[in-house]
Protein backbone atom coordinates (compact mmCIF):
# COMPACT_ATOMS: atom_id res chain seq x y z
CA UNK A 1 12.26 -32.77 -29.62
CA UNK A 2 8.64 -31.77 -30.10
CA UNK A 3 7.94 -28.77 -32.33
CA UNK A 4 7.40 -25.61 -30.31
CA UNK A 5 8.85 -27.15 -27.15
CA UNK A 6 11.62 -25.18 -25.52
CA UNK A 7 13.45 -27.17 -22.87
CA UNK A 8 14.88 -23.94 -21.48
CA UNK A 9 11.42 -22.57 -20.65
CA UNK A 10 11.15 -24.05 -17.14
CA UNK A 11 14.65 -22.84 -16.29
CA UNK A 12 14.00 -19.34 -17.60
CA UNK A 13 10.67 -19.12 -15.76
CA UNK A 14 12.32 -20.35 -12.57
CA UNK A 15 15.06 -17.76 -13.03
CA UNK A 16 12.43 -15.05 -13.42
CA UNK A 17 10.64 -16.24 -10.29
CA UNK A 18 13.87 -16.27 -8.29
CA UNK A 19 14.66 -12.81 -9.64
CA UNK A 20 11.25 -11.60 -8.50
CA UNK A 21 11.62 -13.17 -5.06
CA UNK A 22 15.04 -11.57 -4.56
CA UNK A 23 14.02 -8.15 -5.87
CA UNK A 24 14.43 -5.54 -3.14
CA UNK A 25 11.77 -3.31 -4.68
CA UNK A 26 9.22 -6.12 -4.51
CA UNK A 27 10.16 -6.95 -0.91
CA UNK A 28 10.00 -3.30 0.13
CA UNK A 29 6.55 -2.78 -1.33
CA UNK A 30 5.09 -6.04 -0.04
CA UNK A 31 6.52 -5.57 3.45
CA UNK A 32 5.37 -1.94 3.66
CA UNK A 33 1.85 -2.94 2.66
CA UNK A 34 1.87 -5.94 5.02
CA UNK A 35 3.21 -3.91 7.93
CA UNK A 36 0.59 -1.18 7.50
CA UNK A 37 -2.17 -3.76 7.03
CA UNK A 38 -1.17 -5.64 10.20
CA UNK A 39 -0.97 -2.41 12.20
CA UNK A 40 -4.39 -1.39 10.91
CA UNK A 41 -5.79 -4.84 11.72
CA UNK A 42 -4.33 -4.68 15.24
CA UNK A 43 -5.74 -1.21 15.91
CA UNK A 44 -9.19 -2.18 14.64
CA UNK A 45 -9.09 -5.47 16.56
CA UNK A 46 -8.21 -3.70 19.81
CA UNK A 47 -11.17 -1.32 19.33
CA UNK A 48 -13.85 -3.75 18.17
CA UNK A 49 -12.62 -7.33 18.37
CA UNK A 50 -12.25 -9.51 15.31
CA UNK A 51 -14.69 -9.54 12.42
CA UNK A 52 -14.16 -10.59 8.83
CA UNK A 53 -15.05 -7.04 7.72
CA UNK A 54 -11.74 -5.88 9.21
CA UNK A 55 -9.87 -7.85 6.56
CA UNK A 56 -11.19 -5.71 3.71
CA UNK A 57 -12.19 -2.46 5.42
CA UNK A 58 -11.03 0.76 3.79
CA UNK A 59 -9.61 3.82 5.50
CA UNK A 60 -8.09 3.72 8.95
CA UNK A 61 -4.67 3.94 10.51
CA UNK A 62 -2.20 3.82 8.76
CA UNK A 63 -2.88 4.29 5.07
CA UNK A 64 -1.78 1.06 3.36
CA UNK A 65 -1.89 2.42 -0.17
CA UNK A 66 0.19 5.44 0.82
CA UNK A 67 2.71 3.12 2.51
CA UNK A 68 2.77 0.94 -0.61
CA UNK A 69 3.27 3.81 -3.05
CA UNK A 70 5.84 5.61 -0.85
CA UNK A 71 7.82 2.37 -0.48
CA UNK A 72 7.67 1.89 -4.24
CA UNK A 73 8.93 5.41 -4.94
CA UNK A 74 11.79 5.23 -2.45
CA UNK A 75 12.76 1.71 -3.58
CA UNK A 76 12.84 2.72 -7.23
CA UNK A 77 14.92 5.77 -6.30
CA UNK A 78 17.37 3.64 -4.34
CA UNK A 79 17.61 0.99 -7.07
CA UNK A 80 17.46 3.08 -10.24
CA UNK A 81 18.62 6.48 -9.04
CA UNK A 82 16.68 9.52 -7.93
CA UNK A 83 17.28 11.25 -11.26
CA UNK A 84 15.87 8.35 -13.31
CA UNK A 85 12.74 8.73 -15.38
CA UNK A 86 11.20 5.74 -13.62
CA UNK A 87 11.65 7.38 -10.21
CA UNK A 88 10.08 10.62 -11.44
CA UNK A 89 7.06 8.72 -12.75
CA UNK A 90 6.60 6.66 -9.57
CA UNK A 91 7.15 9.67 -7.30
CA UNK A 92 4.58 11.67 -9.29
CA UNK A 93 2.03 8.89 -8.92
CA UNK A 94 2.79 8.73 -5.19
CA UNK A 95 2.04 12.45 -4.85
CA UNK A 96 -1.31 11.85 -6.58
CA UNK A 97 -2.09 8.93 -4.26
CA UNK A 98 -1.22 10.95 -1.15
CA UNK A 99 -3.35 13.86 -2.39
CA UNK A 100 -6.23 11.48 -3.07
CA UNK A 101 -5.93 9.89 0.38
CA UNK A 102 -5.97 13.24 2.17
CA UNK A 103 -8.37 15.33 0.12
CA UNK A 104 -10.69 13.43 -2.16
CA UNK A 105 -11.31 10.41 0.04
CA UNK A 106 -11.82 12.62 3.11
CA UNK A 107 -14.49 14.58 1.22
CA UNK A 108 -16.21 11.33 0.32
CA UNK A 109 -16.16 10.37 4.03
CA UNK A 110 -17.85 13.66 4.97
CA UNK A 111 -20.52 13.17 2.31
CA UNK A 112 -21.01 9.56 3.44
CA UNK A 113 -21.56 10.75 7.02
CA UNK A 114 -24.17 13.28 5.84
CA UNK A 115 -26.01 10.53 3.98
CA UNK A 116 -25.88 8.29 7.08
CA UNK A 117 -27.53 10.99 9.16
CA UNK A 118 -30.23 11.68 6.55
CA UNK A 119 -31.29 8.08 6.18
CA UNK A 120 -30.75 7.43 9.91
CA UNK A 121 -28.70 4.29 9.52
CA UNK A 122 -25.96 3.54 12.01
CA UNK A 123 -22.96 1.84 10.38
CA UNK A 124 -19.83 0.64 12.12
CA UNK A 125 -16.78 2.88 12.41
CA UNK A 126 -15.17 0.51 9.93
CA UNK A 127 -17.21 2.07 7.16
CA UNK A 128 -14.78 4.89 6.46
CA UNK A 129 -13.34 5.48 3.05
CA UNK A 130 -10.78 8.23 3.51
CA UNK A 131 -7.87 8.99 5.78
CA UNK A 132 -6.93 11.69 8.22
CA UNK A 133 -3.65 13.51 7.76
CA UNK A 134 -2.15 11.51 10.65
CA UNK A 135 -3.08 8.20 8.99
CA UNK A 136 -1.46 9.35 5.75
CA UNK A 137 1.68 10.56 7.54
CA UNK A 138 2.06 7.19 9.23
CA UNK A 139 1.63 5.50 5.85
CA UNK A 140 4.44 7.69 4.50
CA UNK A 141 6.65 6.90 7.50
CA UNK A 142 6.17 3.14 7.05
CA UNK A 143 6.75 3.53 3.31
CA UNK A 144 10.06 5.30 3.99
CA UNK A 145 11.36 3.05 6.77
CA UNK A 146 10.74 -0.38 5.21
CA UNK A 147 12.75 0.19 1.99
CA UNK A 148 15.65 1.61 4.01
CA UNK A 149 15.65 -1.57 6.11
CA UNK A 150 15.36 -3.82 3.03
CA UNK A 151 18.08 -2.02 1.08
CA UNK A 152 20.58 -1.37 3.87
CA UNK A 153 20.19 -4.19 6.41
């Protein structure tokens, strides 16, 4: 056997990959993000037709990052327990993300609109940064429903 060669390495890496692919937390988060992204893409497509800008536009309905973080918090709570330190950390970060989506990003949107008017440039509706409260609530709803489906169905 060659020095430094571990024949178990491919097996252990494959085991890690299989563990990752069967992890309910990973599936919950990915599916919540994907679901919110596809809904957002569909809504934007129905309003404006397809453009490549829709694939990386920020803001809009629903909030993908709120769905992602809510799904992560609920999934960690379901897997590790709602009194675990990990859940408390993830839930705290989710509160910060929701606050950011509602307050800070919305203020940036208002400032952006003022700048648009001053320089008299007309951008697409896609050029929003923040979220409305309804967009955030729908992100939370998606982030709560998907983990429940993944964990219990």
